[in-house]
């Protein structure tokens, strides 16, 4: 247990050592994602207890149970870092847990992140995050809410740091009237794309351009090879 001295209240955490599994190396962004010590974490999320009073007054200790989701995060002018984001185990009016996409598209100014190499708790400025990658073995129910998906389109993303990503966007357009541009315009600050190295949650203001890899979207059920690795 170690206190964090950079916030008004002392945050004490219990966390286990990170066990890492490297992902398949790829050219473009995947190379950045898998570079350095280990790779994006592929272990299943675990729960820990967050105490907001540092344990100084056990009689009044307030405990918030959260789920940690392993990920790699990139911020401007910094090397990508491995660690965990923290999610509430329940959302309002539902028994399901909060998702990482909901956290990133919330109105919160900062979001907690446990850095893997020293277990320090960092409060990351939400809008200053470029992108987050979640490994393919992490439950998608912790990455984005479930919803109907009828349409997909392959794209090449060029990010503001000049990284290039082959990705697949999926959205609901049963009648074919919702175009990719409509989907991108209607998204929150962050959106999810399928890639060959996991799910990419990108700050859409850090996407310099989206190049269409196919001229028209396809119904998901009609795609012969729906494995996103084929787009990488």
Protein backbone atom coordinates (compact mmCIF):
# COMPACT_ATOMS: atom_id res chain seq x y z
CA UNK A 1 0.00 0.00 0.00
CA UNK A 2 1.37 3.39 -0.88
CA UNK A 3 -0.16 6.87 -0.60
CA UNK A 4 -0.41 9.28 -3.49
CA UNK A 5 0.72 12.70 -2.35
CA UNK A 6 -0.38 14.67 -5.40
CA UNK A 7 -4.11 14.68 -4.64
CA UNK A 8 -6.05 16.33 -1.76
CA UNK A 9 -7.02 13.00 -0.22
CA UNK A 10 -4.71 10.05 0.23
CA UNK A 11 -5.59 7.23 -2.13
CA UNK A 12 -4.55 3.80 -0.89
CA UNK A 13 -4.75 0.84 -3.18
CA UNK A 14 -4.24 -2.89 -3.00
CA UNK A 15 -3.02 -4.22 -6.31
CA UNK A 16 -1.21 -7.33 -7.43
CA UNK A 17 1.84 -7.36 -9.66
CA UNK A 18 1.11 -7.08 -13.34
CA UNK A 19 1.58 -10.21 -15.43
CA UNK A 20 2.15 -9.24 -19.03
CA UNK A 21 1.81 -11.14 -22.29
CA UNK A 22 3.23 -9.60 -25.47
CA UNK A 23 0.93 -9.17 -28.43
CA UNK A 24 1.77 -9.97 -32.02
CA UNK A 25 4.14 -7.33 -33.34
CA UNK A 26 2.73 -5.26 -36.18
CA UNK A 27 3.95 -2.40 -38.29
CA UNK A 28 2.32 1.01 -37.71
CA UNK A 29 0.65 1.60 -34.35
CA UNK A 30 0.85 -2.05 -33.29
CA UNK A 31 4.62 -1.69 -33.10
CA UNK A 32 4.19 1.17 -30.63
CA UNK A 33 1.60 -0.74 -28.66
CA UNK A 34 3.79 -3.77 -28.18
CA UNK A 35 7.12 -1.98 -27.77
CA UNK A 36 8.97 -1.72 -24.48
CA UNK A 37 8.65 -3.98 -21.46
CA UNK A 38 6.09 -6.66 -22.19
CA UNK A 39 2.90 -5.82 -24.00
CA UNK A 40 -0.72 -4.96 -23.47
CA UNK A 41 -2.02 -6.93 -20.53
CA UNK A 42 -4.20 -9.89 -21.44
CA UNK A 43 -5.15 -11.11 -18.00
CA UNK A 44 -8.75 -10.90 -16.89
CA UNK A 45 -9.66 -7.86 -14.81
CA UNK A 46 -9.71 -8.18 -11.04
CA UNK A 47 -11.30 -6.11 -8.33
CA UNK A 48 -9.62 -4.02 -5.69
CA UNK A 49 -10.70 -1.67 -2.93
CA UNK A 50 -10.11 2.08 -3.11
CA UNK A 51 -10.05 3.87 0.24
CA UNK A 52 -10.60 7.63 0.15
CA UNK A 53 -9.40 8.44 3.66
CA UNK A 54 -6.05 6.65 3.69
CA UNK A 55 -7.22 4.39 6.50
CA UNK A 56 -6.59 7.10 9.08
CA UNK A 57 -10.07 6.68 10.56
CA UNK A 58 -11.22 3.05 10.25
CA UNK A 59 -14.56 3.89 11.79
CA UNK A 60 -15.37 6.25 8.93
CA UNK A 61 -13.44 4.61 6.11
CA UNK A 62 -15.25 4.86 2.78
CA UNK A 63 -14.53 1.97 0.43
CA UNK A 64 -15.36 1.99 -3.25
CA UNK A 65 -15.06 -1.32 -5.01
CA UNK A 66 -13.82 -0.98 -8.58
CA UNK A 67 -12.86 -3.25 -11.44
CA UNK A 68 -9.47 -2.79 -13.03
CA UNK A 69 -9.16 -3.19 -16.79
CA UNK A 70 -5.68 -3.78 -18.24
CA UNK A 71 -4.74 -1.47 -21.11
CA UNK A 72 -2.02 0.57 -22.73
CA UNK A 73 -2.49 4.34 -22.87
CA UNK A 74 -0.85 7.01 -25.00
CA UNK A 75 -0.65 10.73 -24.20
CA UNK A 76 1.03 13.56 -26.12
CA UNK A 77 4.85 13.57 -26.01
CA UNK A 78 4.99 10.51 -23.74
CA UNK A 79 5.84 6.88 -24.35
CA UNK A 80 2.78 4.59 -24.12
CA UNK A 81 2.29 3.11 -20.65
CA UNK A 82 0.80 -0.16 -19.40
CA UNK A 83 -1.51 -0.37 -16.42
CA UNK A 84 -5.13 -0.54 -15.35
CA UNK A 85 -8.12 1.76 -15.67
CA UNK A 86 -10.68 1.63 -12.87
CA UNK A 87 -14.39 1.04 -13.46
CA UNK A 88 -17.42 0.96 -11.20
CA UNK A 89 -18.87 -2.57 -10.88
CA UNK A 90 -22.41 -1.25 -11.42
CA UNK A 91 -23.92 1.54 -13.46
CA UNK A 92 -27.07 3.40 -12.51
CA UNK A 93 -30.31 1.54 -13.26
CA UNK A 94 -28.42 -1.56 -14.42
CA UNK A 95 -26.64 -4.59 -12.98
CA UNK A 96 -23.83 -4.46 -15.53
CA UNK A 97 -20.44 -2.86 -14.85
CA UNK A 98 -19.31 0.47 -16.19
CA UNK A 99 -17.35 0.22 -19.45
CA UNK A 100 -14.11 1.90 -20.42
CA UNK A 101 -15.84 3.72 -23.29
CA UNK A 102 -18.43 5.15 -20.89
CA UNK A 103 -15.67 6.30 -18.56
CA UNK A 104 -13.86 8.06 -21.42
CA UNK A 105 -17.05 9.68 -22.72
CA UNK A 106 -18.18 10.85 -19.29
CA UNK A 107 -17.99 14.42 -18.01
CA UNK A 108 -15.15 13.57 -15.62
CA UNK A 109 -12.11 15.80 -15.92
CA UNK A 110 -9.67 13.16 -14.69
CA UNK A 111 -9.77 9.37 -14.70
CA UNK A 112 -7.70 7.12 -12.38
CA UNK A 113 -5.01 4.90 -13.86
CA UNK A 114 -2.71 2.48 -12.03
CA UNK A 115 0.72 2.48 -13.62
CA UNK A 116 2.09 -1.02 -14.01
CA UNK A 117 5.77 -0.49 -13.31
CA UNK A 118 5.41 1.05 -9.85
CA UNK A 119 1.68 0.66 -8.98
CA UNK A 120 1.36 4.44 -8.66
CA UNK A 121 -2.13 5.91 -9.06
CA UNK A 122 -2.21 8.61 -11.74
CA UNK A 123 -5.11 10.94 -12.39
CA UNK A 124 -5.05 11.32 -16.16
CA UNK A 125 -6.74 14.30 -17.77
CA UNK A 126 -9.41 12.58 -19.83
CA UNK A 127 -9.36 14.81 -22.92
CA UNK A 128 -5.55 14.68 -23.02
CA UNK A 129 -5.53 10.94 -23.79
CA UNK A 130 -4.64 10.16 -27.42
CA UNK A 131 -5.64 6.52 -27.51
CA UNK A 132 -6.05 3.38 -25.41
CA UNK A 133 -5.56 -0.20 -26.56
CA UNK A 134 -7.22 -3.12 -24.80
CA UNK A 135 -5.97 -6.65 -25.48
CA UNK A 136 -8.12 -9.12 -27.36
CA UNK A 137 -8.50 -11.41 -24.32
CA UNK A 138 -10.23 -8.74 -22.21
CA UNK A 139 -14.02 -9.09 -21.95
CA UNK A 140 -15.58 -6.66 -24.45
CA UNK A 141 -18.36 -6.08 -21.92
CA UNK A 142 -15.82 -4.03 -19.96
CA UNK A 143 -14.70 -2.07 -23.02
CA UNK A 144 -17.97 -0.86 -24.53
CA UNK A 145 -21.70 -1.38 -23.87
CA UNK A 146 -23.46 -4.13 -25.79
CA UNK A 147 -25.56 -2.96 -28.70
CA UNK A 148 -26.86 -3.95 -32.10
CA UNK A 149 -24.26 -3.85 -34.87
CA UNK A 150 -25.40 -4.28 -38.48
CA UNK A 151 -22.78 -2.49 -40.55
CA UNK A 152 -19.01 -2.27 -40.75
CA UNK A 153 -16.39 -0.56 -42.87
CA UNK A 154 -12.64 -0.98 -43.09
CA UNK A 155 -10.57 2.19 -42.76
CA UNK A 156 -7.00 3.42 -42.46
CA UNK A 157 -6.63 5.85 -39.57
CA UNK A 158 -3.90 8.48 -39.52
CA UNK A 159 -3.47 9.79 -35.98
CA UNK A 160 -2.13 13.14 -34.93
CA UNK A 161 1.23 11.58 -33.97
CA UNK A 162 1.49 10.23 -37.57
CA UNK A 163 0.75 6.65 -36.50
CA UNK A 164 -1.27 4.65 -39.02
CA UNK A 165 -3.81 2.01 -38.04
CA UNK A 166 -5.76 -0.47 -40.16
CA UNK A 167 -9.11 -0.70 -38.38
CA UNK A 168 -12.78 -1.63 -38.70
CA UNK A 169 -15.61 0.60 -37.51
CA UNK A 170 -18.95 -1.04 -36.72
CA UNK A 171 -22.29 0.64 -36.15
CA UNK A 172 -26.07 0.16 -36.39
CA UNK A 173 -27.64 0.99 -39.73
CA UNK A 174 -30.23 -1.68 -40.45
CA UNK A 175 -31.89 0.43 -43.17
CA UNK A 176 -28.57 1.53 -44.67
CA UNK A 177 -29.16 5.24 -44.11
CA UNK A 178 -26.49 5.80 -41.44
CA UNK A 179 -23.16 6.38 -43.13
CA UNK A 180 -19.72 6.11 -41.56
CA UNK A 181 -19.50 9.90 -41.45
CA UNK A 182 -22.82 9.99 -39.57
CA UNK A 183 -21.52 7.44 -37.09
CA UNK A 184 -18.29 9.40 -36.53
CA UNK A 185 -20.18 12.68 -36.13
CA UNK A 186 -22.54 11.14 -33.58
CA UNK A 187 -19.82 9.55 -31.45
CA UNK A 188 -18.63 10.91 -28.14
CA UNK A 189 -15.11 12.17 -27.45
CA UNK A 190 -13.81 8.60 -27.83
CA UNK A 191 -14.82 5.85 -30.24
CA UNK A 192 -13.98 2.16 -30.60
CA UNK A 193 -12.37 0.49 -33.58
CA UNK A 194 -11.48 -3.17 -34.08
CA UNK A 195 -7.85 -3.84 -35.03
CA UNK A 196 -5.56 -6.79 -35.40
CA UNK A 197 -3.99 -6.14 -32.00
CA UNK A 198 -7.12 -5.49 -29.94
CA UNK A 199 -9.74 -2.80 -29.47
CA UNK A 200 -8.59 0.77 -30.05
CA UNK A 201 -10.35 3.53 -28.13
CA UNK A 202 -9.29 6.69 -29.92
CA UNK A 203 -9.83 10.32 -29.03
CA UNK A 204 -11.57 11.40 -32.22
CA UNK A 205 -9.94 14.85 -32.03
CA UNK A 206 -6.56 13.08 -32.28
CA UNK A 207 -7.53 11.32 -35.52
CA UNK A 208 -6.02 13.42 -38.29
CA UNK A 209 -7.89 11.65 -41.07
CA UNK A 210 -9.90 8.53 -41.85
CA UNK A 211 -9.19 6.98 -45.24
CA UNK A 212 -11.80 4.53 -46.53
CA UNK A 213 -10.23 1.16 -47.28
CA UNK A 214 -13.43 0.08 -49.07
CA UNK A 215 -15.81 2.37 -50.90
CA UNK A 216 -19.04 1.23 -49.23
CA UNK A 217 -19.91 -0.30 -45.87
CA UNK A 218 -20.98 -3.93 -45.61
CA UNK A 219 -23.62 -5.73 -43.55
CA UNK A 220 -21.69 -7.48 -40.80
CA UNK A 221 -23.40 -10.83 -41.44
CA UNK A 222 -22.33 -10.76 -45.11
CA UNK A 223 -18.63 -10.17 -44.50
CA UNK A 224 -16.79 -13.32 -45.55
CA UNK A 225 -13.88 -12.72 -43.19
CA UNK A 226 -15.03 -10.65 -40.23
CA UNK A 227 -11.80 -11.22 -38.28
CA UNK A 228 -10.32 -7.71 -37.78
CA UNK A 229 -6.85 -9.21 -38.18
CA UNK A 230 -7.55 -9.35 -41.89
CA UNK A 231 -7.56 -5.55 -41.94
CA UNK A 232 -4.13 -5.28 -40.37
